[in-house]
């Protein structure tokens, strides 16, 4: 080698670029699939049991569930029907998922879409897990009031 300093400089520059690219999440140096999140592990079992009108995805360590509701539009109180469906869907998710993994999911976001109204709800994974064991409607109602934040958007 006639110029060893040049080779050492090129190697050090390459290592520097590699470290910056990993930190800033650039291109081929960052593979998000290799980072472990409890949300991804929980989705493995959830995706086997969800109905066709559900769409689930992970946003970091947060679980997003988007549901296209097919309730009749001529229902007397569509808001009541959508809130009841939200409670049923949250309970169903708690029963079909693996409890120890769902507890570690930070937030679970539900979005129920209907042609008249959209209901957005956010809660923590640890609170969803408790729904798997609750049977009394009054306990379920009080649990929802204290742990679930709901927003509705009318169209």
N, C-alpha and C. Protein backbone atom coordinates (compact mmCIF):
# COMPACT_ATOMS: atom_id res chain seq x y z
N UNK A 1 0.83 -1.17 0.00
CA UNK A 1 0.00 0.00 0.00
C UNK A 1 0.88 1.24 0.00
N UNK A 2 0.59 2.07 -0.93
CA UNK A 2 1.40 3.28 -1.02
C UNK A 2 0.85 4.41 -0.15
N UNK A 3 -0.48 4.43 0.04
CA UNK A 3 -1.08 5.51 0.83
C UNK A 3 -2.01 4.90 1.90
N UNK A 4 -1.46 4.43 3.02
CA UNK A 4 -2.29 3.80 4.05
C UNK A 4 -3.21 4.79 4.77
N UNK A 5 -2.82 6.04 4.87
CA UNK A 5 -3.65 7.04 5.54
C UNK A 5 -4.96 7.24 4.77
N UNK A 6 -4.89 7.22 3.45
CA UNK A 6 -6.09 7.38 2.64
C UNK A 6 -7.07 6.23 2.88
N UNK A 7 -6.57 4.99 2.95
CA UNK A 7 -7.43 3.83 3.19
C UNK A 7 -8.06 3.89 4.58
N UNK A 8 -7.29 4.28 5.57
CA UNK A 8 -7.81 4.40 6.94
C UNK A 8 -8.88 5.49 6.98
N UNK A 9 -8.66 6.58 6.28
CA UNK A 9 -9.63 7.67 6.22
C UNK A 9 -10.93 7.24 5.57
N UNK A 10 -10.84 6.46 4.49
CA UNK A 10 -12.04 5.97 3.80
C UNK A 10 -12.82 5.02 4.70
N UNK A 11 -12.12 4.14 5.41
CA UNK A 11 -12.79 3.20 6.32
C UNK A 11 -13.47 3.95 7.47
N UNK A 12 -12.79 4.91 8.05
CA UNK A 12 -13.37 5.69 9.15
C UNK A 12 -14.56 6.52 8.67
N UNK A 13 -14.48 7.07 7.47
CA UNK A 13 -15.59 7.83 6.92
C UNK A 13 -16.79 6.93 6.68
N UNK A 14 -16.55 5.72 6.19
CA UNK A 14 -17.62 4.75 5.98
C UNK A 14 -18.29 4.36 7.29
N UNK A 15 -17.51 4.13 8.34
CA UNK A 15 -18.08 3.82 9.65
C UNK A 15 -18.89 4.99 10.20
N UNK A 16 -18.40 6.20 9.99
CA UNK A 16 -19.12 7.39 10.44
C UNK A 16 -20.48 7.50 9.73
N UNK A 17 -20.48 7.33 8.42
CA UNK A 17 -21.73 7.40 7.66
C UNK A 17 -22.70 6.30 8.10
N UNK A 18 -22.16 5.11 8.35
CA UNK A 18 -22.99 4.00 8.79
C UNK A 18 -23.65 4.31 10.14
N UNK A 19 -22.91 4.86 11.09
CA UNK A 19 -23.46 5.19 12.40
C UNK A 19 -24.52 6.29 12.31
N UNK A 20 -24.25 7.32 11.51
CA UNK A 20 -25.22 8.40 11.34
C UNK A 20 -26.49 7.88 10.67
N UNK A 21 -26.33 7.01 9.70
CA UNK A 21 -27.48 6.47 8.98
C UNK A 21 -28.35 5.61 9.91
N UNK A 22 -27.75 4.85 10.80
CA UNK A 22 -28.53 4.06 11.75
C UNK A 22 -29.26 4.95 12.75
N UNK A 23 -28.60 6.00 13.18
CA UNK A 23 -29.22 6.90 14.16
C UNK A 23 -30.36 7.70 13.53
N UNK A 24 -30.19 8.15 12.31
CA UNK A 24 -31.19 8.96 11.63
C UNK A 24 -32.17 8.13 10.80
N UNK A 25 -32.00 6.80 10.83
CA UNK A 25 -32.88 5.86 10.12
C UNK A 25 -32.90 6.11 8.62
N UNK A 26 -31.75 6.08 8.02
CA UNK A 26 -31.62 6.24 6.57
C UNK A 26 -31.66 4.90 5.88
N UNK A 27 -32.33 4.84 4.78
CA UNK A 27 -32.28 3.78 3.78
C UNK A 27 -31.96 2.38 4.22
N UNK A 28 -30.96 1.77 3.60
CA UNK A 28 -30.67 0.35 3.79
C UNK A 28 -30.04 0.04 5.14
N UNK A 29 -29.59 1.04 5.85
CA UNK A 29 -28.94 0.80 7.12
C UNK A 29 -29.93 0.60 8.26
N UNK A 30 -31.17 0.93 8.04
CA UNK A 30 -32.18 0.80 9.09
C UNK A 30 -33.28 -0.13 8.62
N UNK A 31 -33.45 -1.22 9.34
CA UNK A 31 -34.51 -2.18 9.02
C UNK A 31 -35.47 -2.23 10.21
N UNK A 32 -36.64 -1.68 10.04
CA UNK A 32 -37.61 -1.58 11.12
C UNK A 32 -38.17 -2.94 11.52
N UNK A 33 -38.10 -3.92 10.65
CA UNK A 33 -38.63 -5.24 10.96
C UNK A 33 -37.80 -5.96 12.02
N UNK A 34 -36.56 -5.54 12.21
CA UNK A 34 -35.70 -6.21 13.17
C UNK A 34 -35.87 -5.69 14.58
N UNK A 35 -36.63 -4.62 14.76
CA UNK A 35 -36.86 -4.07 16.09
C UNK A 35 -38.09 -4.77 16.68
N UNK A 36 -37.94 -5.29 17.88
CA UNK A 36 -38.99 -6.06 18.51
C UNK A 36 -39.95 -5.15 19.28
N UNK A 37 -41.24 -5.31 19.01
CA UNK A 37 -42.28 -4.60 19.73
C UNK A 37 -43.34 -5.61 20.16
N UNK A 38 -43.91 -5.45 21.34
CA UNK A 38 -45.00 -6.34 21.74
C UNK A 38 -46.21 -6.25 20.81
N UNK A 39 -46.39 -5.10 20.17
CA UNK A 39 -47.52 -4.93 19.26
C UNK A 39 -47.44 -5.92 18.10
N UNK A 40 -46.28 -6.08 17.53
CA UNK A 40 -46.13 -7.01 16.41
C UNK A 40 -46.39 -8.44 16.84
N UNK A 41 -45.93 -8.79 18.04
CA UNK A 41 -46.16 -10.14 18.54
C UNK A 41 -47.64 -10.37 18.82
N UNK A 42 -48.33 -9.36 19.32
CA UNK A 42 -49.76 -9.49 19.59
C UNK A 42 -50.55 -9.62 18.29
N UNK A 43 -50.10 -8.96 17.23
CA UNK A 43 -50.81 -9.01 15.95
C UNK A 43 -50.81 -10.40 15.32
N UNK A 44 -49.82 -11.20 15.66
CA UNK A 44 -49.74 -12.54 15.07
C UNK A 44 -51.00 -13.34 15.41
N UNK A 45 -51.42 -13.31 16.67
CA UNK A 45 -52.62 -14.05 17.06
C UNK A 45 -53.89 -13.29 16.71
N UNK A 46 -53.86 -11.97 16.82
CA UNK A 46 -55.06 -11.18 16.54
C UNK A 46 -55.47 -11.31 15.09
N UNK A 47 -54.50 -11.26 14.17
CA UNK A 47 -54.82 -11.32 12.74
C UNK A 47 -55.47 -12.64 12.32
N UNK A 48 -55.28 -13.69 13.10
CA UNK A 48 -55.91 -14.97 12.77
C UNK A 48 -57.40 -14.98 13.09
N UNK A 49 -57.83 -14.11 14.00
CA UNK A 49 -59.21 -14.18 14.50
C UNK A 49 -60.08 -12.99 14.13
N UNK A 50 -59.52 -11.98 13.50
CA UNK A 50 -60.33 -10.78 13.25
C UNK A 50 -61.26 -10.98 12.05
N UNK A 51 -62.40 -10.30 12.06
CA UNK A 51 -63.32 -10.38 10.92
C UNK A 51 -62.76 -9.66 9.69
N UNK A 52 -63.43 -9.82 8.58
CA UNK A 52 -62.96 -9.24 7.32
C UNK A 52 -63.05 -7.73 7.25
N UNK A 53 -63.91 -7.12 8.05
CA UNK A 53 -64.05 -5.67 7.99
C UNK A 53 -63.10 -4.94 8.94
N UNK A 54 -62.18 -5.66 9.56
CA UNK A 54 -61.19 -5.07 10.45
C UNK A 54 -59.87 -4.91 9.72
N UNK A 55 -59.16 -3.86 10.04
CA UNK A 55 -57.80 -3.67 9.54
C UNK A 55 -56.93 -3.31 10.75
N UNK A 56 -55.88 -4.07 10.99
CA UNK A 56 -55.01 -3.83 12.13
C UNK A 56 -53.61 -3.52 11.65
N UNK A 57 -52.94 -2.65 12.39
CA UNK A 57 -51.55 -2.33 12.09
C UNK A 57 -50.88 -1.79 13.34
N UNK A 58 -49.57 -1.87 13.35
CA UNK A 58 -48.79 -1.34 14.47
C UNK A 58 -48.19 -0.01 14.07
N UNK A 59 -48.28 0.93 14.97
CA UNK A 59 -47.64 2.23 14.80
C UNK A 59 -46.61 2.36 15.92
N UNK A 60 -45.43 1.80 15.68
CA UNK A 60 -44.45 1.70 16.76
C UNK A 60 -44.91 0.62 17.72
N UNK A 61 -45.12 0.99 18.98
CA UNK A 61 -45.65 0.05 19.96
C UNK A 61 -47.12 0.33 20.25
N UNK A 62 -47.81 0.96 19.33
CA UNK A 62 -49.23 1.25 19.46
C UNK A 62 -50.00 0.44 18.43
N UNK A 63 -51.13 -0.09 18.85
CA UNK A 63 -51.96 -0.89 17.97
C UNK A 63 -53.11 -0.04 17.44
N UNK A 64 -53.30 -0.06 16.13
CA UNK A 64 -54.40 0.68 15.50
C UNK A 64 -55.36 -0.33 14.88
N UNK A 65 -56.64 -0.20 15.22
CA UNK A 65 -57.68 -1.08 14.69
C UNK A 65 -58.70 -0.19 14.00
N UNK A 66 -58.87 -0.41 12.70
CA UNK A 66 -59.83 0.36 11.90
C UNK A 66 -60.92 -0.59 11.46
N UNK A 67 -62.16 -0.24 11.80
CA UNK A 67 -63.29 -1.12 11.55
C UNK A 67 -64.31 -0.39 10.69
N UNK A 68 -64.68 -1.01 9.60
CA UNK A 68 -65.73 -0.45 8.74
C UNK A 68 -67.05 -1.08 9.16
N UNK A 69 -67.87 -0.30 9.84
CA UNK A 69 -69.13 -0.81 10.38
C UNK A 69 -70.18 -0.94 9.29
N UNK A 70 -70.99 -1.96 9.40
CA UNK A 70 -72.05 -2.22 8.44
C UNK A 70 -73.40 -2.26 9.12
N UNK A 71 -73.57 -1.41 10.14
CA UNK A 71 -74.86 -1.35 10.82
C UNK A 71 -75.84 -0.61 9.93
N UNK A 72 -77.11 -0.87 10.05
CA UNK A 72 -78.09 -0.19 9.20
C UNK A 72 -78.13 1.31 9.47
N UNK A 73 -78.29 2.07 8.43
CA UNK A 73 -78.29 3.53 8.54
C UNK A 73 -79.59 4.06 9.13
N UNK A 74 -80.64 3.26 9.11
CA UNK A 74 -81.93 3.72 9.61
C UNK A 74 -82.13 3.42 11.10
N UNK A 75 -81.05 3.11 11.80
CA UNK A 75 -81.16 2.87 13.23
C UNK A 75 -81.60 4.15 13.94
N UNK A 76 -82.41 3.99 14.98
CA UNK A 76 -82.97 5.14 15.67
C UNK A 76 -81.87 6.00 16.29
N UNK A 77 -80.97 5.40 17.01
CA UNK A 77 -79.91 6.15 17.66
C UNK A 77 -78.56 5.56 17.23
N UNK A 78 -78.01 6.07 16.17
CA UNK A 78 -76.78 5.52 15.60
C UNK A 78 -75.61 5.67 16.57
N UNK A 79 -75.64 6.73 17.37
CA UNK A 79 -74.56 6.95 18.34
C UNK A 79 -74.55 5.82 19.38
N UNK A 80 -75.69 5.44 19.88
CA UNK A 80 -75.79 4.36 20.85
C UNK A 80 -75.33 3.04 20.24
N UNK A 81 -75.71 2.79 19.00
CA UNK A 81 -75.30 1.56 18.32
C UNK A 81 -73.79 1.52 18.13
N UNK A 82 -73.20 2.63 17.74
CA UNK A 82 -71.76 2.67 17.51
C UNK A 82 -70.97 2.50 18.82
N UNK A 83 -71.44 3.10 19.90
CA UNK A 83 -70.76 2.94 21.18
C UNK A 83 -70.87 1.50 21.69
N UNK A 84 -72.02 0.89 21.47
CA UNK A 84 -72.18 -0.51 21.87
C UNK A 84 -71.25 -1.40 21.04
N UNK A 85 -71.16 -1.11 19.75
CA UNK A 85 -70.26 -1.87 18.89
C UNK A 85 -68.79 -1.68 19.31
N UNK A 86 -68.44 -0.46 19.70
CA UNK A 86 -67.08 -0.18 20.18
C UNK A 86 -66.77 -1.04 21.40
N UNK A 87 -67.69 -1.10 22.34
CA UNK A 87 -67.48 -1.92 23.54
C UNK A 87 -67.37 -3.40 23.18
N UNK A 88 -68.21 -3.85 22.27
CA UNK A 88 -68.15 -5.25 21.84
C UNK A 88 -66.83 -5.57 21.15
N UNK A 89 -66.35 -4.66 20.30
CA UNK A 89 -65.10 -4.89 19.58
C UNK A 89 -63.91 -4.89 20.53
N UNK A 90 -63.91 -4.01 21.50
CA UNK A 90 -62.81 -3.98 22.47
C UNK A 90 -62.79 -5.26 23.30
N UNK A 91 -63.96 -5.73 23.70
CA UNK A 91 -64.04 -6.97 24.46
C UNK A 91 -63.59 -8.16 23.61
N UNK A 92 -63.99 -8.18 22.36
CA UNK A 92 -63.58 -9.26 21.46
C UNK A 92 -62.06 -9.26 21.27
N UNK A 93 -61.47 -8.09 21.11
CA UNK A 93 -60.02 -7.99 20.95
C UNK A 93 -59.31 -8.52 22.19
N UNK A 94 -59.84 -8.22 23.36
CA UNK A 94 -59.24 -8.70 24.61
C UNK A 94 -59.31 -10.21 24.71
N UNK A 95 -60.38 -10.80 24.21
CA UNK A 95 -60.55 -12.24 24.33
C UNK A 95 -59.73 -13.03 23.32
N UNK A 96 -59.49 -12.47 22.12
CA UNK A 96 -58.76 -13.24 21.10
C UNK A 96 -57.26 -12.99 21.14
N UNK A 97 -56.80 -12.00 21.87
CA UNK A 97 -55.38 -11.69 21.87
C UNK A 97 -54.67 -12.40 23.02
N UNK A 98 -53.36 -12.43 22.92
CA UNK A 98 -52.55 -13.00 23.97
C UNK A 98 -52.37 -11.94 25.05
N UNK A 99 -52.85 -12.23 26.25
CA UNK A 99 -52.99 -11.22 27.30
C UNK A 99 -51.66 -10.61 27.71
N UNK A 100 -50.63 -11.41 27.88
CA UNK A 100 -49.36 -10.86 28.36
C UNK A 100 -48.71 -9.93 27.33
N UNK A 101 -48.96 -10.15 26.05
CA UNK A 101 -48.42 -9.25 25.03
C UNK A 101 -49.25 -7.99 24.89
N UNK A 102 -50.56 -8.12 24.98
CA UNK A 102 -51.43 -6.95 24.85
C UNK A 102 -51.26 -5.99 26.02
N UNK A 103 -50.88 -6.51 27.19
CA UNK A 103 -50.61 -5.64 28.33
C UNK A 103 -49.44 -4.69 28.07
N UNK A 104 -48.50 -5.14 27.28
CA UNK A 104 -47.28 -4.36 27.03
C UNK A 104 -47.43 -3.38 25.87
N UNK A 105 -48.54 -3.45 25.16
CA UNK A 105 -48.80 -2.49 24.09
C UNK A 105 -49.18 -1.16 24.75
N UNK A 106 -48.54 -0.09 24.30
CA UNK A 106 -48.76 1.21 24.97
C UNK A 106 -50.21 1.67 24.80
N UNK A 107 -50.62 1.95 23.57
CA UNK A 107 -51.97 2.46 23.32
C UNK A 107 -52.65 1.61 22.25
N UNK A 108 -53.95 1.47 22.39
CA UNK A 108 -54.76 0.79 21.39
C UNK A 108 -55.76 1.82 20.88
N UNK A 109 -55.72 2.05 19.57
CA UNK A 109 -56.57 3.05 18.95
C UNK A 109 -57.61 2.35 18.07
N UNK A 110 -58.86 2.63 18.33
CA UNK A 110 -59.96 2.09 17.53
C UNK A 110 -60.56 3.21 16.70
N UNK A 111 -60.91 2.89 15.47
CA UNK A 111 -61.62 3.83 14.62
C UNK A 111 -62.75 3.06 13.94
N UNK A 112 -63.97 3.38 14.33
CA UNK A 112 -65.16 2.76 13.75
C UNK A 112 -65.74 3.71 12.72
N UNK A 113 -65.76 3.26 11.47
CA UNK A 113 -66.24 4.11 10.38
C UNK A 113 -67.63 3.66 9.94
N UNK A 114 -68.50 4.60 9.85
CA UNK A 114 -69.86 4.39 9.35
C UNK A 114 -70.16 5.54 8.41
N UNK A 115 -71.14 5.39 7.56
CA UNK A 115 -71.39 6.48 6.61
C UNK A 115 -71.99 7.71 7.26
N UNK A 116 -72.52 7.59 8.47
CA UNK A 116 -73.08 8.76 9.16
C UNK A 116 -72.17 9.32 10.25
N UNK A 117 -71.35 8.47 10.86
CA UNK A 117 -70.54 8.88 12.00
C UNK A 117 -69.25 8.07 12.05
N UNK A 118 -68.20 8.68 12.54
CA UNK A 118 -66.94 7.99 12.79
C UNK A 118 -66.62 8.15 14.27
N UNK A 119 -66.33 7.04 14.93
CA UNK A 119 -66.00 7.06 16.35
C UNK A 119 -64.54 6.67 16.51
N UNK A 120 -63.77 7.56 17.14
CA UNK A 120 -62.37 7.30 17.45
C UNK A 120 -62.25 7.08 18.95
N UNK A 121 -61.53 6.04 19.35
CA UNK A 121 -61.35 5.73 20.76
C UNK A 121 -59.90 5.34 21.01
N UNK A 122 -59.38 5.77 22.15
CA UNK A 122 -58.01 5.45 22.53
C UNK A 122 -58.00 4.97 23.97
N UNK A 123 -57.27 3.90 24.22
CA UNK A 123 -57.06 3.39 25.56
C UNK A 123 -55.70 2.70 25.61
N UNK A 124 -55.30 2.30 26.79
CA UNK A 124 -54.02 1.61 26.95
C UNK A 124 -54.25 0.11 26.87
N UNK A 125 -53.21 -0.60 26.48
CA UNK A 125 -53.31 -2.05 26.35
C UNK A 125 -53.63 -2.75 27.65
N UNK A 126 -53.10 -2.23 28.75
CA UNK A 126 -53.36 -2.87 30.05
C UNK A 126 -54.82 -2.78 30.45
N UNK A 127 -55.53 -1.77 29.96
CA UNK A 127 -56.95 -1.64 30.29
C UNK A 127 -57.82 -2.52 29.40
N UNK A 128 -57.38 -2.76 28.18
CA UNK A 128 -58.12 -3.65 27.27
C UNK A 128 -58.11 -5.07 27.83
N UNK A 129 -57.00 -5.48 28.40
CA UNK A 129 -56.86 -6.85 28.91
C UNK A 129 -57.89 -7.14 29.99
N UNK A 130 -58.22 -6.15 30.80
CA UNK A 130 -59.17 -6.36 31.89
C UNK A 130 -60.58 -6.67 31.36
N UNK A 131 -60.86 -6.30 30.13
CA UNK A 131 -62.18 -6.56 29.56
C UNK A 131 -62.43 -8.05 29.32
N UNK A 132 -61.38 -8.83 29.21
CA UNK A 132 -61.54 -10.26 28.96
C UNK A 132 -62.18 -10.97 30.14
N UNK A 133 -62.05 -10.42 31.34
CA UNK A 133 -62.57 -11.09 32.53
C UNK A 133 -63.84 -10.46 33.07
N UNK A 134 -64.18 -9.24 32.65
CA UNK A 134 -65.38 -8.58 33.17
C UNK A 134 -66.63 -9.15 32.52
N UNK A 135 -67.64 -9.44 33.34
CA UNK A 135 -68.89 -10.00 32.84
C UNK A 135 -70.09 -9.09 33.12
N UNK A 136 -70.07 -8.39 34.25
CA UNK A 136 -71.19 -7.55 34.66
C UNK A 136 -71.25 -6.29 33.79
N UNK A 137 -72.40 -6.00 33.16
CA UNK A 137 -72.50 -4.81 32.30
C UNK A 137 -72.20 -3.50 33.02
N UNK A 138 -72.56 -3.42 34.29
CA UNK A 138 -72.29 -2.18 35.04
C UNK A 138 -70.79 -1.99 35.27
N UNK A 139 -70.08 -3.07 35.54
CA UNK A 139 -68.62 -2.98 35.70
C UNK A 139 -67.95 -2.62 34.39
N UNK A 140 -68.43 -3.18 33.31
CA UNK A 140 -67.88 -2.86 31.99
C UNK A 140 -68.11 -1.39 31.66
N UNK A 141 -69.30 -0.89 31.95
CA UNK A 141 -69.63 0.51 31.68
C UNK A 141 -68.73 1.45 32.49
N UNK A 142 -68.54 1.16 33.77
CA UNK A 142 -67.69 2.02 34.60
C UNK A 142 -66.23 1.92 34.17
N UNK A 143 -65.80 0.73 33.72
CA UNK A 143 -64.44 0.57 33.22
C UNK A 143 -64.22 1.42 31.96
N UNK A 144 -65.19 1.42 31.06
CA UNK A 144 -65.08 2.23 29.85
C UNK A 144 -65.06 3.72 30.17
N UNK A 145 -65.90 4.15 31.10
CA UNK A 145 -65.94 5.57 31.44
C UNK A 145 -64.61 6.06 31.99
N UNK A 146 -63.92 5.22 32.73
CA UNK A 146 -62.69 5.66 33.37
C UNK A 146 -61.44 5.45 32.54
N UNK A 147 -61.47 4.58 31.52
CA UNK A 147 -60.24 4.25 30.81
C UNK A 147 -60.23 4.59 29.32
N UNK A 148 -61.38 4.80 28.71
CA UNK A 148 -61.43 5.00 27.26
C UNK A 148 -61.77 6.46 26.94
N UNK A 149 -60.99 7.05 26.06
CA UNK A 149 -61.27 8.40 25.58
C UNK A 149 -61.88 8.28 24.19
N UNK A 150 -63.02 8.92 24.00
CA UNK A 150 -63.79 8.76 22.76
C UNK A 150 -64.01 10.12 22.12
N UNK A 151 -63.92 10.12 20.78
CA UNK A 151 -64.22 11.30 19.99
C UNK A 151 -65.11 10.83 18.84
N UNK A 152 -66.16 11.59 18.57
CA UNK A 152 -67.02 11.23 17.45
C UNK A 152 -67.03 12.35 16.43
N UNK A 153 -67.06 11.96 15.18
CA UNK A 153 -67.08 12.91 14.07
C UNK A 153 -68.30 12.59 13.23
N UNK A 154 -69.20 13.53 13.14
CA UNK A 154 -70.40 13.35 12.32
C UNK A 154 -70.11 13.81 10.90
N UNK A 155 -70.68 13.10 9.96
CA UNK A 155 -70.44 13.44 8.55
C UNK A 155 -71.60 14.19 7.98
